[in-house]
């Protein structure tokens, strides 16, 4: 559920709720380009119970829940409210599904797979996607025969995390 208020109702960039129908709330004001008010997005995992509930009924349930979490929301006017449904946003884990997830290695040197859906040892989540990228870099290094690695400008991993260079000569990419 996406809610745009006429004013700021929280200073938190994100929050998790306990004992509330709201699970996660993300402040999307900046990324959305909104200049006035505040744009909050509620994210629910395993939302089967809500998947087919009409948007109006979700609004009736979640707007008061947001006001409980953020008291300023009770005084704010809702400028916009809409629901998106990503039924396959997270892979549903069941026994045996791990064997269906490919690893980073491919038959082609210099080509590796990355994505939350690959075999990372973690669920198909944002954290799994990060681990997948790290696995892909490790696999690329191996498949290129230990190509020289360096930290790329703007690389957002830990200091010293590798980025693959351009190949056997060791010349940085």
Protein backbone atom coordinates (compact mmCIF):
# COMPACT_ATOMS: atom_id res chain seq x y z
CA UNK A 1 0.00 0.00 0.00
CA UNK A 2 1.25 3.46 -0.91
CA UNK A 3 0.10 6.47 1.09
CA UNK A 4 0.90 10.09 0.28
CA UNK A 5 0.26 12.53 3.11
CA UNK A 6 0.00 16.30 2.81
CA UNK A 7 2.80 16.70 5.39
CA UNK A 8 5.64 14.75 6.97
CA UNK A 9 4.38 12.21 9.53
CA UNK A 10 7.70 10.55 10.45
CA UNK A 11 11.42 11.26 10.18
CA UNK A 12 12.28 7.55 9.96
CA UNK A 13 13.61 6.32 6.58
CA UNK A 14 12.05 2.92 7.32
CA UNK A 15 10.45 1.10 10.22
CA UNK A 16 9.28 -2.36 11.22
CA UNK A 17 6.11 -2.77 13.26
CA UNK A 18 5.21 -5.34 15.91
CA UNK A 19 1.63 -6.21 16.85
CA UNK A 20 0.33 -4.29 13.85
CA UNK A 21 -0.97 -5.29 10.42
CA UNK A 22 1.80 -3.03 9.10
CA UNK A 23 5.02 -5.01 8.78
CA UNK A 24 7.45 -2.66 7.04
CA UNK A 25 7.14 1.02 6.18
CA UNK A 26 9.52 2.79 3.81
CA UNK A 27 9.74 6.53 3.26
CA UNK A 28 9.64 6.88 -0.55
CA UNK A 29 9.36 10.69 -0.54
CA UNK A 30 12.84 11.44 -1.90
CA UNK A 31 13.05 8.66 -4.50
CA UNK A 32 9.56 9.53 -5.79
CA UNK A 33 10.49 13.16 -6.39
CA UNK A 34 7.66 14.38 -4.14
CA UNK A 35 8.35 17.96 -3.04
CA UNK A 36 5.54 18.46 -0.54
CA UNK A 37 4.16 15.98 1.97
CA UNK A 38 5.40 12.47 2.58
CA UNK A 39 5.09 9.22 0.63
CA UNK A 40 5.11 6.06 2.73
CA UNK A 41 5.02 2.54 1.30
CA UNK A 42 3.87 -0.43 3.38
CA UNK A 43 5.44 -3.75 2.46
CA UNK A 44 3.94 -7.05 3.60
CA UNK A 45 5.55 -10.47 3.36
CA UNK A 46 3.45 -13.62 3.04
CA UNK A 47 0.43 -11.41 2.41
CA UNK A 48 -1.87 -14.18 1.22
CA UNK A 49 -4.66 -12.95 3.51
CA UNK A 50 -4.52 -9.52 1.84
CA UNK A 51 -3.92 -10.53 -1.78
CA UNK A 52 -7.54 -10.33 -2.90
CA UNK A 53 -8.87 -7.78 -0.41
CA UNK A 54 -10.26 -4.70 -2.18
CA UNK A 55 -8.11 -1.57 -1.92
CA UNK A 56 -10.83 0.32 -0.02
CA UNK A 57 -10.90 -2.33 2.71
CA UNK A 58 -7.10 -2.29 2.95
CA UNK A 59 -7.21 1.47 3.28
CA UNK A 60 -9.73 1.18 6.15
CA UNK A 61 -7.42 -1.20 7.97
CA UNK A 62 -3.99 0.24 7.25
CA UNK A 63 -4.52 4.00 7.55
CA UNK A 64 -5.52 3.73 11.24
CA UNK A 65 -2.62 1.33 11.80
CA UNK A 66 -0.21 3.91 10.33
CA UNK A 67 -1.72 6.56 12.61
CA UNK A 68 -1.04 4.30 15.61
CA UNK A 69 2.59 3.96 14.55
CA UNK A 70 3.02 7.60 13.53
CA UNK A 71 0.66 9.84 15.56
CA UNK A 72 1.23 12.78 13.17
CA UNK A 73 -0.49 10.70 10.46
CA UNK A 74 -3.78 11.01 12.36
CA UNK A 75 -3.71 14.79 11.77
CA UNK A 76 -2.45 14.65 8.19
CA UNK A 77 -4.65 14.57 5.10
CA UNK A 78 -4.22 11.58 2.78
CA UNK A 79 -3.49 13.09 -0.63
CA UNK A 80 -3.28 9.74 -2.40
CA UNK A 81 -3.55 6.08 -1.49
CA UNK A 82 -3.19 3.09 -3.77
CA UNK A 83 -2.37 -0.59 -3.59
CA UNK A 84 0.06 -2.61 -5.67
CA UNK A 85 0.27 -6.37 -5.50
CA UNK A 86 3.45 -8.25 -6.29
CA UNK A 87 2.28 -11.83 -5.81
CA UNK A 88 5.66 -13.25 -6.80
CA UNK A 89 7.92 -10.66 -5.19
CA UNK A 90 9.55 -13.29 -2.98
CA UNK A 91 10.01 -16.90 -3.91
CA UNK A 92 7.90 -19.18 -1.72
CA UNK A 93 10.27 -21.59 -0.05
CA UNK A 94 9.19 -25.23 0.00
CA UNK A 95 11.21 -28.39 0.58
CA UNK A 96 13.36 -29.23 -2.43
CA UNK A 97 13.22 -25.80 -4.10
CA UNK A 98 16.91 -25.20 -3.42
CA UNK A 99 17.95 -27.73 -6.06
CA UNK A 100 16.11 -25.66 -8.69
CA UNK A 101 18.19 -22.54 -8.02
CA UNK A 102 21.30 -22.36 -10.23
CA UNK A 103 24.70 -21.35 -8.90
CA UNK A 104 26.74 -18.46 -10.27
CA UNK A 105 28.95 -20.64 -12.52
CA UNK A 106 28.11 -21.08 -16.21
CA UNK A 107 29.79 -23.03 -19.02
CA UNK A 108 31.08 -19.74 -20.51
CA UNK A 109 34.23 -18.18 -19.05
CA UNK A 110 33.55 -14.59 -18.04
CA UNK A 111 29.81 -15.14 -17.66
CA UNK A 112 28.25 -15.65 -14.24
CA UNK A 113 24.68 -15.62 -13.00
CA UNK A 114 23.51 -13.22 -10.31
CA UNK A 115 20.13 -12.51 -8.81
CA UNK A 116 18.14 -13.26 -5.70
CA UNK A 117 16.73 -16.32 -7.47
CA UNK A 118 20.15 -18.03 -7.71
CA UNK A 119 21.58 -20.45 -5.13
CA UNK A 120 22.98 -18.22 -2.42
CA UNK A 121 22.12 -20.28 0.62
CA UNK A 122 19.71 -17.48 1.55
CA UNK A 123 16.04 -16.90 0.66
CA UNK A 124 15.09 -14.97 -2.47
CA UNK A 125 15.42 -11.55 -0.79
CA UNK A 126 17.41 -8.33 -1.19
CA UNK A 127 20.05 -9.80 1.11
CA UNK A 128 20.16 -12.93 -1.06
CA UNK A 129 20.63 -10.74 -4.13
CA UNK A 130 23.65 -9.05 -2.54
CA UNK A 131 25.18 -12.40 -1.68
CA UNK A 132 24.49 -13.52 -5.24
CA UNK A 133 26.46 -10.59 -6.63
CA UNK A 134 29.38 -11.45 -4.39
CA UNK A 135 29.21 -15.11 -5.50
CA UNK A 136 29.17 -13.97 -9.14
CA UNK A 137 32.31 -11.85 -8.64
CA UNK A 138 34.08 -14.79 -7.01
CA UNK A 139 33.03 -17.05 -9.88
CA UNK A 140 34.13 -14.52 -12.52
CA UNK A 141 37.52 -14.27 -10.88
CA UNK A 142 37.85 -18.06 -10.86
CA UNK A 143 36.66 -18.48 -14.47
CA UNK A 144 39.04 -15.80 -15.71
CA UNK A 145 42.01 -17.53 -14.13
CA UNK A 146 42.43 -15.20 -11.18
CA UNK A 147 42.14 -11.92 -13.09
CA UNK A 148 43.49 -8.93 -11.24
CA UNK A 149 40.85 -7.41 -9.03
CA UNK A 150 40.52 -3.87 -7.79
CA UNK A 151 37.94 -1.80 -6.02
CA UNK A 152 35.87 0.03 -8.61
CA UNK A 153 35.03 3.72 -8.07
CA UNK A 154 31.71 3.99 -6.30
CA UNK A 155 31.68 0.31 -5.30
CA UNK A 156 29.34 0.12 -2.32
CA UNK A 157 30.56 -3.05 -0.64
CA UNK A 158 32.99 -3.28 2.25
CA UNK A 159 36.34 -1.52 1.78
CA UNK A 160 38.59 -3.74 -0.27
CA UNK A 161 35.72 -5.64 -1.92
CA UNK A 162 36.73 -6.70 -5.43
CA UNK A 163 35.50 -5.66 -8.82
CA UNK A 164 36.53 -7.71 -11.82
CA UNK A 165 39.16 -6.23 -14.09
CA UNK A 166 39.42 -6.69 -17.82
CA UNK A 167 41.15 -10.04 -17.96
CA UNK A 168 44.43 -11.89 -18.01
CA UNK A 169 46.62 -8.85 -18.52
CA UNK A 170 45.59 -7.43 -15.16
CA UNK A 171 44.73 -4.10 -16.75
CA UNK A 172 41.92 -2.48 -14.74
CA UNK A 173 38.59 -2.27 -16.50
